[in-house]
Amino acid sequence: MRVVIDASIDPRLVEAFADHHAQTLFDLGWQELKDHVLVKRLECDVFVTADRGFEHEHNLKSLSFGIIILHVERNKIIFYRPLFEPLLQAMATIRPSEVVHVYGPPAAQEQV
């Protein structure tokens, strides 16, 4: 699967996608693009973001990719690692134009 990771997420999240083709917006040089331009350029199966408003700001039916919205307490890889398994499970079933939310554990339970 082709995965693109939003600039709002720790780029080390690519670790989760060892069996997939994953790139960050920084890899593509698109980190400065506005979302409405970005969604027209993306050629992927899944876009991973932490932007909780993303699904409300775009016409989802027009998108050729699925969106996974990650919910973590902090934008650090240690908070994303517990989500690797549920993230990959969401990827296995997501379809174009679909939005899936993946929630991380509360920060109080993490040892940083």
N, C-alpha and C. Protein backbone atom coordinates (compact mmCIF):
# COMPACT_ATOMS: atom_id res chain seq x y z
N MET A 1 0.82 -1.18 0.00
CA MET A 1 0.00 0.00 0.00
C MET A 1 0.87 1.25 0.00
N ARG A 2 0.36 2.28 -0.63
CA ARG A 2 1.06 3.57 -0.65
C ARG A 2 0.47 4.44 0.46
N VAL A 3 1.34 4.87 1.36
CA VAL A 3 0.93 5.64 2.53
C VAL A 3 1.65 6.98 2.51
N VAL A 4 0.91 8.05 2.78
CA VAL A 4 1.52 9.37 2.93
C VAL A 4 1.18 9.85 4.34
N ILE A 5 2.22 10.34 5.03
CA ILE A 5 2.08 10.80 6.41
C ILE A 5 2.14 12.33 6.43
N ASP A 6 1.17 12.93 7.06
CA ASP A 6 1.04 14.37 7.15
C ASP A 6 2.24 15.00 7.88
N ALA A 7 2.48 16.27 7.59
CA ALA A 7 3.58 17.01 8.22
C ALA A 7 3.33 17.23 9.70
N SER A 8 2.09 17.07 10.14
CA SER A 8 1.76 17.28 11.55
C SER A 8 2.12 16.09 12.43
N ILE A 9 2.65 15.04 11.84
CA ILE A 9 2.98 13.81 12.57
C ILE A 9 4.48 13.58 12.58
N ASP A 10 4.98 13.06 13.70
CA ASP A 10 6.39 12.71 13.81
C ASP A 10 6.76 11.83 12.62
N PRO A 11 7.73 12.26 11.81
CA PRO A 11 8.06 11.51 10.59
C PRO A 11 8.58 10.10 10.84
N ARG A 12 8.98 9.82 12.06
CA ARG A 12 9.45 8.46 12.37
C ARG A 12 8.32 7.44 12.37
N LEU A 13 7.09 7.92 12.18
CA LEU A 13 5.96 6.99 12.08
C LEU A 13 6.13 6.04 10.89
N VAL A 14 6.98 6.38 9.94
CA VAL A 14 7.23 5.47 8.81
C VAL A 14 7.68 4.09 9.31
N GLU A 15 8.20 4.01 10.53
CA GLU A 15 8.60 2.73 11.12
C GLU A 15 7.45 1.73 11.13
N ALA A 16 6.25 2.23 11.23
CA ALA A 16 5.07 1.35 11.31
C ALA A 16 4.77 0.65 10.00
N PHE A 17 5.32 1.17 8.91
CA PHE A 17 4.94 0.71 7.58
C PHE A 17 6.06 -0.02 6.84
N ALA A 18 6.74 -0.91 7.54
CA ALA A 18 7.88 -1.62 6.95
C ALA A 18 7.49 -2.40 5.70
N ASP A 19 6.27 -2.89 5.62
CA ASP A 19 5.82 -3.70 4.48
C ASP A 19 5.05 -2.88 3.44
N HIS A 20 5.12 -1.57 3.55
CA HIS A 20 4.37 -0.68 2.66
C HIS A 20 5.29 0.41 2.12
N HIS A 21 4.83 1.10 1.12
CA HIS A 21 5.57 2.25 0.59
C HIS A 21 5.07 3.49 1.31
N ALA A 22 5.84 3.97 2.29
CA ALA A 22 5.42 5.11 3.10
C ALA A 22 6.34 6.30 2.88
N GLN A 23 5.72 7.47 2.74
CA GLN A 23 6.45 8.72 2.59
C GLN A 23 5.78 9.77 3.45
N THR A 24 6.58 10.73 3.88
CA THR A 24 6.03 11.87 4.60
C THR A 24 5.85 13.02 3.61
N LEU A 25 5.08 14.01 4.02
CA LEU A 25 4.96 15.20 3.17
C LEU A 25 6.31 15.88 3.04
N PHE A 26 7.18 15.75 4.04
CA PHE A 26 8.53 16.30 3.94
C PHE A 26 9.33 15.58 2.86
N ASP A 27 9.19 14.25 2.76
CA ASP A 27 9.86 13.49 1.71
C ASP A 27 9.45 13.99 0.33
N LEU A 28 8.18 14.31 0.20
CA LEU A 28 7.63 14.77 -1.08
C LEU A 28 7.89 16.25 -1.34
N GLY A 29 8.32 16.99 -0.30
CA GLY A 29 8.52 18.42 -0.42
C GLY A 29 7.20 19.19 -0.42
N TRP A 30 6.16 18.59 0.13
CA TRP A 30 4.82 19.17 0.10
C TRP A 30 4.35 19.66 1.47
N GLN A 31 5.24 19.77 2.43
CA GLN A 31 4.85 20.13 3.79
C GLN A 31 4.23 21.52 3.89
N GLU A 32 4.47 22.40 2.94
CA GLU A 32 3.91 23.75 2.97
C GLU A 32 2.58 23.89 2.22
N LEU A 33 2.17 22.83 1.53
CA LEU A 33 0.93 22.92 0.75
C LEU A 33 -0.29 23.05 1.65
N LYS A 34 -1.22 23.85 1.23
CA LYS A 34 -2.51 23.95 1.91
C LYS A 34 -3.28 22.66 1.64
N ASP A 35 -4.11 22.26 2.59
CA ASP A 35 -4.83 20.99 2.47
C ASP A 35 -5.65 20.87 1.19
N HIS A 36 -6.32 21.94 0.78
CA HIS A 36 -7.17 21.86 -0.41
C HIS A 36 -6.35 21.60 -1.68
N VAL A 37 -5.08 22.01 -1.69
CA VAL A 37 -4.18 21.71 -2.81
C VAL A 37 -3.64 20.29 -2.65
N LEU A 38 -3.28 19.95 -1.44
CA LEU A 38 -2.70 18.65 -1.14
C LEU A 38 -3.62 17.50 -1.55
N VAL A 39 -4.90 17.58 -1.20
CA VAL A 39 -5.81 16.47 -1.50
C VAL A 39 -5.95 16.23 -3.00
N LYS A 40 -5.71 17.24 -3.80
CA LYS A 40 -5.78 17.06 -5.25
C LYS A 40 -4.51 16.42 -5.81
N ARG A 41 -3.40 16.56 -5.11
CA ARG A 41 -2.12 16.02 -5.58
C ARG A 41 -1.80 14.62 -5.06
N LEU A 42 -2.37 14.27 -3.94
CA LEU A 42 -2.02 12.99 -3.33
C LEU A 42 -2.38 11.81 -4.22
N GLU A 43 -1.41 10.95 -4.40
CA GLU A 43 -1.62 9.68 -5.10
C GLU A 43 -1.17 8.58 -4.15
N CYS A 44 -2.12 8.14 -3.34
CA CYS A 44 -1.81 7.13 -2.33
C CYS A 44 -3.07 6.34 -2.03
N ASP A 45 -2.90 5.33 -1.21
CA ASP A 45 -4.05 4.55 -0.76
C ASP A 45 -4.58 5.07 0.57
N VAL A 46 -3.64 5.56 1.40
CA VAL A 46 -3.99 6.03 2.73
C VAL A 46 -3.19 7.29 3.07
N PHE A 47 -3.90 8.28 3.61
CA PHE A 47 -3.27 9.49 4.13
C PHE A 47 -3.44 9.45 5.63
N VAL A 48 -2.33 9.56 6.37
CA VAL A 48 -2.35 9.50 7.83
C VAL A 48 -2.10 10.91 8.36
N THR A 49 -2.99 11.37 9.22
CA THR A 49 -2.88 12.71 9.77
C THR A 49 -3.30 12.73 11.23
N ALA A 50 -2.97 13.82 11.91
CA ALA A 50 -3.45 14.06 13.27
C ALA A 50 -4.43 15.22 13.27
N ASP A 51 -4.73 15.75 12.09
CA ASP A 51 -5.63 16.90 11.93
C ASP A 51 -7.06 16.42 12.10
N ARG A 52 -7.63 16.68 13.26
CA ARG A 52 -8.97 16.18 13.59
C ARG A 52 -10.07 16.87 12.81
N GLY A 53 -9.76 17.99 12.18
CA GLY A 53 -10.76 18.68 11.38
C GLY A 53 -10.73 18.28 9.92
N PHE A 54 -9.75 17.49 9.53
CA PHE A 54 -9.54 17.15 8.12
C PHE A 54 -10.79 16.59 7.46
N GLU A 55 -11.46 15.70 8.14
CA GLU A 55 -12.63 15.04 7.54
C GLU A 55 -13.81 15.99 7.35
N HIS A 56 -13.81 17.11 8.07
CA HIS A 56 -14.91 18.06 7.98
C HIS A 56 -14.62 19.20 7.00
N GLU A 57 -13.37 19.27 6.54
CA GLU A 57 -12.94 20.38 5.70
C GLU A 57 -12.90 20.03 4.21
N HIS A 58 -13.17 18.77 3.88
CA HIS A 58 -13.03 18.33 2.50
C HIS A 58 -14.22 17.48 2.08
N ASN A 59 -14.46 17.43 0.79
CA ASN A 59 -15.50 16.57 0.24
C ASN A 59 -14.92 15.15 0.15
N LEU A 60 -15.21 14.36 1.13
CA LEU A 60 -14.62 13.02 1.22
C LEU A 60 -14.97 12.14 0.03
N LYS A 61 -16.15 12.30 -0.50
CA LYS A 61 -16.58 11.45 -1.62
C LYS A 61 -15.71 11.65 -2.86
N SER A 62 -15.03 12.78 -2.93
CA SER A 62 -14.19 13.04 -4.10
C SER A 62 -12.77 12.50 -3.95
N LEU A 63 -12.43 11.99 -2.78
CA LEU A 63 -11.06 11.54 -2.52
C LEU A 63 -10.84 10.11 -3.00
N SER A 64 -9.68 9.88 -3.56
CA SER A 64 -9.33 8.55 -4.08
C SER A 64 -8.55 7.73 -3.06
N PHE A 65 -8.45 8.21 -1.84
CA PHE A 65 -7.69 7.54 -0.79
C PHE A 65 -8.48 7.58 0.51
N GLY A 66 -8.10 6.70 1.43
CA GLY A 66 -8.69 6.71 2.76
C GLY A 66 -7.88 7.59 3.68
N ILE A 67 -8.50 8.02 4.76
CA ILE A 67 -7.84 8.89 5.73
C ILE A 67 -7.87 8.22 7.09
N ILE A 68 -6.71 8.14 7.72
CA ILE A 68 -6.64 7.65 9.10
C ILE A 68 -6.22 8.83 9.95
N ILE A 69 -7.03 9.14 10.95
CA ILE A 69 -6.74 10.24 11.86
C ILE A 69 -6.27 9.64 13.18
N LEU A 70 -5.04 9.96 13.54
CA LEU A 70 -4.46 9.45 14.78
C LEU A 70 -4.70 10.43 15.92
N HIS A 71 -5.04 9.90 17.07
CA HIS A 71 -5.28 10.70 18.26
C HIS A 71 -4.24 10.30 19.31
N VAL A 72 -3.27 11.15 19.54
CA VAL A 72 -2.24 10.90 20.55
C VAL A 72 -2.10 12.14 21.43
N GLU A 73 -1.55 11.93 22.61
CA GLU A 73 -1.38 13.03 23.55
C GLU A 73 -0.27 14.00 23.12
N ARG A 74 0.79 13.46 22.56
CA ARG A 74 1.92 14.29 22.14
C ARG A 74 2.45 13.77 20.80
N ASN A 75 3.03 14.68 20.05
CA ASN A 75 3.58 14.33 18.74
C ASN A 75 5.01 13.82 18.87
N LYS A 76 5.14 12.69 19.55
CA LYS A 76 6.44 12.04 19.72
C LYS A 76 6.25 10.57 19.39
N ILE A 77 7.27 9.98 18.82
CA ILE A 77 7.17 8.59 18.35
C ILE A 77 6.77 7.63 19.46
N ILE A 78 7.17 7.89 20.68
CA ILE A 78 6.81 6.99 21.79
C ILE A 78 5.28 6.92 21.98
N PHE A 79 4.57 7.97 21.62
CA PHE A 79 3.11 7.97 21.73
C PHE A 79 2.44 7.31 20.52
N TYR A 80 3.17 7.21 19.42
CA TYR A 80 2.63 6.57 18.22
C TYR A 80 2.86 5.05 18.22
N ARG A 81 3.94 4.60 18.84
CA ARG A 81 4.27 3.17 18.78
C ARG A 81 3.15 2.25 19.26
N PRO A 82 2.42 2.58 20.33
CA PRO A 82 1.31 1.70 20.74
C PRO A 82 0.20 1.63 19.69
N LEU A 83 0.22 2.54 18.73
CA LEU A 83 -0.81 2.57 17.70
C LEU A 83 -0.43 1.79 16.44
N PHE A 84 0.79 1.28 16.38
CA PHE A 84 1.23 0.60 15.16
C PHE A 84 0.27 -0.51 14.76
N GLU A 85 -0.08 -1.38 15.69
CA GLU A 85 -0.96 -2.51 15.36
C GLU A 85 -2.36 -2.05 14.95
N PRO A 86 -3.03 -1.20 15.74
CA PRO A 86 -4.35 -0.75 15.30
C PRO A 86 -4.29 0.08 14.00
N LEU A 87 -3.21 0.77 13.79
CA LEU A 87 -3.04 1.53 12.56
C LEU A 87 -2.97 0.60 11.36
N LEU A 88 -2.20 -0.46 11.46
CA LEU A 88 -2.09 -1.43 10.36
C LEU A 88 -3.41 -2.17 10.15
N GLN A 89 -4.14 -2.43 11.22
CA GLN A 89 -5.45 -3.07 11.10
C GLN A 89 -6.42 -2.15 10.35
N ALA A 90 -6.38 -0.86 10.67
CA ALA A 90 -7.25 0.10 9.99
C ALA A 90 -6.89 0.17 8.51
N MET A 91 -5.61 0.13 8.20
CA MET A 91 -5.17 0.18 6.81
C MET A 91 -5.66 -1.01 6.01
N ALA A 92 -5.78 -2.15 6.66
CA ALA A 92 -6.16 -3.37 5.96
C ALA A 92 -7.60 -3.34 5.45
N THR A 93 -8.43 -2.49 6.05
CA THR A 93 -9.84 -2.48 5.67
C THR A 93 -10.33 -1.15 5.11
N ILE A 94 -9.52 -0.11 5.19
CA ILE A 94 -9.98 1.21 4.76
C ILE A 94 -10.18 1.26 3.25
N ARG A 95 -11.18 2.04 2.85
CA ARG A 95 -11.48 2.21 1.43
C ARG A 95 -11.36 3.68 1.06
N PRO A 96 -11.26 3.98 -0.23
CA PRO A 96 -11.21 5.39 -0.64
C PRO A 96 -12.40 6.17 -0.08
N SER A 97 -12.14 7.39 0.31
CA SER A 97 -13.15 8.32 0.86
C SER A 97 -13.57 8.00 2.29
N GLU A 98 -13.03 6.95 2.87
CA GLU A 98 -13.41 6.55 4.22
C GLU A 98 -12.44 7.18 5.23
N VAL A 99 -12.96 7.49 6.42
CA VAL A 99 -12.16 8.03 7.51
C VAL A 99 -12.22 7.07 8.69
N VAL A 100 -11.05 6.75 9.24
CA VAL A 100 -10.96 5.90 10.41
C VAL A 100 -10.15 6.64 11.47
N HIS A 101 -10.66 6.66 12.70
CA HIS A 101 -9.95 7.28 13.82
C HIS A 101 -9.26 6.18 14.62
N VAL A 102 -8.00 6.42 14.97
CA VAL A 102 -7.24 5.48 15.80
C VAL A 102 -6.78 6.26 17.02
N TYR A 103 -7.14 5.76 18.20
CA TYR A 103 -6.88 6.46 19.45
C TYR A 103 -5.74 5.82 20.22
N GLY A 104 -4.87 6.66 20.75
CA GLY A 104 -3.77 6.19 21.57
C GLY A 104 -4.13 6.22 23.04
N PRO A 105 -3.30 5.61 23.86
CA PRO A 105 -3.55 5.61 25.31
C PRO A 105 -3.30 7.02 25.88
N PRO A 106 -3.90 7.32 27.01
CA PRO A 106 -3.66 8.62 27.65
C PRO A 106 -2.19 8.77 28.03
N ALA A 107 -1.71 10.00 28.02
CA ALA A 107 -0.29 10.29 28.31
C ALA A 107 0.10 9.84 29.70
N ALA A 108 -0.82 9.88 30.64
CA ALA A 108 -0.52 9.52 32.02
C ALA A 108 -0.08 8.07 32.13
N GLN A 109 -0.46 7.23 31.18
CA GLN A 109 -0.10 5.81 31.22
C GLN A 109 1.24 5.54 30.56
N GLU A 110 1.80 6.52 29.89
CA GLU A 110 3.06 6.35 29.17
C GLU A 110 4.23 6.75 30.05
N GLN A 111 5.33 6.07 29.90
CA GLN A 111 6.57 6.48 30.55
C GLN A 111 7.45 7.10 29.50
N VAL A 112 7.74 8.37 29.66
CA VAL A 112 8.54 9.10 28.66
C VAL A 112 9.97 9.15 29.09
